Amino acid sequence: MEIIQVKENKKKYLDLLLLADEQEDMVDRYLERGDMFVLSDGSVRAECVVTNEGPGTYELKNIATAPLFQRQGYGRRLIEYLFNHYPDLQTLYVGTGDSPLSLDFYHACGFKDSHRVERFFTDNYDHPIIEDGIQLVDMVYLKRERDMA
């Protein structure tokens, strides 16, 4: 298994990114300004895009695992990798929908609830976003802070 940083031709990985953020123009808002990482184990298993939001603060804008490889720890491995890759990372934020499926994953990865952006999905997407049978309305932000131990 290896994790590589993709610096060029990021759109080559768009299909997988669209699993986590299904509207391409929304992905375009952060793709080029973010760092992209791909986890490969013979083939692409998972990928993520992270942006620097200020001193010590990063945001996980997109993380997706190929359907055949979900629930096997690949997403968690990418998140752990980020804390090693960025020595200055103190706080990692992630915004997601109010879906138990997503929230349970992030909580299991050590994220705590932070804040909400009301009506984010209904105001920014051109169609209803449905996850696990639930229409997403608000963006729920979670954060994970670096262990200082």
Protein backbone atom coordinates (compact mmCIF):
# COMPACT_ATOMS: atom_id res chain seq x y z
CA MET A 1 0.00 0.00 0.00
CA GLU A 2 1.27 3.45 -0.85
CA ILE A 3 -0.03 6.99 -0.57
CA ILE A 4 1.14 9.43 -3.21
CA GLN A 5 0.54 13.12 -3.65
CA VAL A 6 -0.99 14.03 -7.00
CA LYS A 7 0.25 17.38 -8.27
CA GLU A 8 -0.91 17.29 -11.89
CA ASN A 9 -3.94 16.00 -13.80
CA LYS A 10 -6.07 15.83 -10.65
CA LYS A 11 -9.21 15.57 -12.78
CA LYS A 12 -8.02 12.09 -13.76
CA TYR A 13 -9.40 11.03 -10.36
CA LEU A 14 -12.68 12.94 -10.68
CA ASP A 15 -14.96 9.88 -10.80
CA LEU A 16 -13.98 8.86 -7.29
CA LEU A 17 -14.12 12.44 -5.98
CA LEU A 18 -17.69 12.67 -7.27
CA LEU A 19 -18.69 9.85 -4.92
CA ALA A 20 -18.12 12.20 -2.02
CA ASP A 21 -19.09 15.49 -3.69
CA GLU A 22 -21.39 14.77 -6.58
CA GLN A 23 -21.41 18.14 -8.35
CA GLU A 24 -18.30 18.82 -10.45
CA ASP A 25 -18.37 22.61 -10.17
CA MET A 26 -18.30 22.24 -6.38
CA VAL A 27 -15.22 19.99 -6.64
CA ASP A 28 -13.65 22.59 -8.94
CA ARG A 29 -13.86 25.16 -6.11
CA TYR A 30 -11.14 23.39 -4.13
CA LEU A 31 -9.44 20.83 -6.37
CA GLU A 32 -6.61 22.96 -7.76
CA ARG A 33 -5.91 24.89 -4.55
CA GLY A 34 -5.90 21.71 -2.48
CA ASP A 35 -3.39 18.93 -2.02
CA MET A 36 -4.59 15.60 -3.40
CA PHE A 37 -3.52 12.23 -2.06
CA VAL A 38 -4.26 8.82 -3.55
CA LEU A 39 -4.02 5.56 -1.62
CA SER A 40 -3.13 2.70 -3.91
CA ASP A 41 -2.77 -0.99 -3.24
CA GLY A 42 -2.36 -2.29 -6.77
CA SER A 43 -5.15 0.05 -7.86
CA VAL A 44 -6.67 3.26 -6.48
CA ARG A 45 -8.52 2.42 -3.28
CA ALA A 46 -9.17 5.90 -1.85
CA GLU A 47 -8.30 9.55 -2.32
CA CYS A 48 -8.68 12.87 -0.60
CA VAL A 49 -8.22 16.60 -1.12
CA VAL A 50 -7.01 18.86 1.70
CA THR A 51 -6.75 22.66 1.81
CA ASN A 52 -4.62 24.86 4.02
CA GLU A 53 -6.97 27.27 5.78
CA GLY A 54 -4.39 29.19 7.83
CA PRO A 55 -1.60 28.54 10.32
CA GLY A 56 -2.00 24.99 11.64
CA THR A 57 -5.52 24.66 10.22
CA TYR A 58 -6.46 22.38 7.33
CA GLU A 59 -9.76 21.23 5.88
CA LEU A 60 -10.48 17.81 4.44
CA LYS A 61 -12.58 18.89 1.46
CA ASN A 62 -13.14 15.46 -0.03
CA ILE A 63 -12.40 11.87 0.92
CA ALA A 64 -13.70 8.92 -1.04
CA THR A 65 -13.09 5.20 -1.11
CA ALA A 66 -13.89 3.07 -4.15
CA PRO A 67 -17.11 1.14 -3.47
CA LEU A 68 -15.44 -2.30 -3.57
CA PHE A 69 -12.99 -1.23 -0.86
CA GLN A 70 -15.24 0.68 1.54
CA ARG A 71 -15.27 -0.25 5.24
CA GLN A 72 -11.75 -1.71 5.03
CA GLY A 73 -9.86 1.13 6.76
CA TYR A 74 -8.57 2.97 3.70
CA GLY A 75 -10.29 6.27 4.56
CA ARG A 76 -9.00 6.13 8.11
CA ARG A 77 -5.47 5.46 6.80
CA LEU A 78 -5.64 8.58 4.65
CA ILE A 79 -6.74 10.70 7.61
CA GLU A 80 -3.93 9.36 9.79
CA TYR A 81 -1.49 10.01 6.96
CA LEU A 82 -2.47 13.69 6.87
CA PHE A 83 -1.45 14.17 10.50
CA ASN A 84 1.99 12.74 9.62
CA HIS A 85 2.32 14.57 6.29
CA TYR A 86 1.66 18.06 7.70
CA PRO A 87 3.88 18.61 10.76
CA ASP A 88 2.20 21.98 11.42
CA LEU A 89 -1.32 20.52 11.36
CA GLN A 90 -3.01 21.35 14.65
CA THR A 91 -6.68 21.20 13.61
CA LEU A 92 -8.25 19.28 10.74
CA TYR A 93 -11.81 20.27 9.85
CA VAL A 94 -14.21 18.34 7.67
CA GLY A 95 -17.64 19.38 6.44
CA THR A 96 -20.23 16.73 5.72
CA GLY A 97 -23.93 16.16 5.54
CA ASP A 98 -26.12 15.34 8.51
CA SER A 99 -26.11 11.63 7.72
CA PRO A 100 -25.42 8.97 10.35
CA LEU A 101 -23.28 7.07 7.85
CA SER A 102 -20.82 9.96 7.43
CA LEU A 103 -20.98 11.25 10.99
CA ASP A 104 -20.29 7.79 12.44
CA PHE A 105 -17.21 7.43 10.20
CA TYR A 106 -15.74 10.77 11.26
CA HIS A 107 -16.51 10.23 14.94
CA ALA A 108 -14.77 6.83 14.72
CA CYS A 109 -11.74 8.65 13.26
CA GLY A 110 -11.53 10.96 16.27
CA PHE A 111 -13.45 13.99 15.00
CA LYS A 112 -15.69 16.01 17.34
CA ASP A 113 -18.66 18.18 16.39
CA SER A 114 -17.70 21.79 15.67
CA HIS A 115 -20.37 23.91 13.95
CA ARG A 116 -22.95 24.03 11.12
CA VAL A 117 -23.48 26.03 7.97
CA GLU A 118 -27.23 26.21 7.57
CA ARG A 119 -28.75 25.40 4.16
CA PHE A 120 -25.32 24.78 2.59
CA PHE A 121 -26.46 21.90 0.41
CA THR A 122 -29.76 23.46 -0.63
CA ASP A 123 -28.13 26.83 -1.37
CA ASN A 124 -25.04 25.56 -3.24
CA TYR A 125 -26.10 22.50 -5.23
CA ASP A 126 -28.32 22.48 -8.29
CA HIS A 127 -30.17 19.34 -7.20
CA PRO A 128 -31.11 17.65 -3.92
CA ILE A 129 -28.21 15.75 -2.37
CA ILE A 130 -29.39 12.47 -0.88
CA GLU A 131 -27.16 10.35 1.35
CA ASP A 132 -28.32 7.14 2.98
CA GLY A 133 -31.91 8.08 2.12
CA ILE A 134 -31.66 11.52 3.79
CA GLN A 135 -31.77 14.84 1.93
CA LEU A 136 -28.83 16.90 3.09
CA VAL A 137 -29.57 20.50 4.03
CA ASP A 138 -26.96 21.81 6.50
CA MET A 139 -23.20 21.29 6.30
CA VAL A 140 -22.04 19.78 9.58
CA TYR A 141 -18.45 20.63 10.47
CA LEU A 142 -16.35 18.40 12.66
CA LYS A 143 -12.79 18.89 13.81
CA ARG A 144 -9.95 16.76 15.01
CA GLU A 145 -7.08 18.28 16.89
CA ARG A 146 -3.58 16.89 17.00
CA ASP A 147 -2.84 14.93 20.15
CA MET A 148 -0.27 16.85 22.12
CA ALA A 149 0.79 13.85 24.20
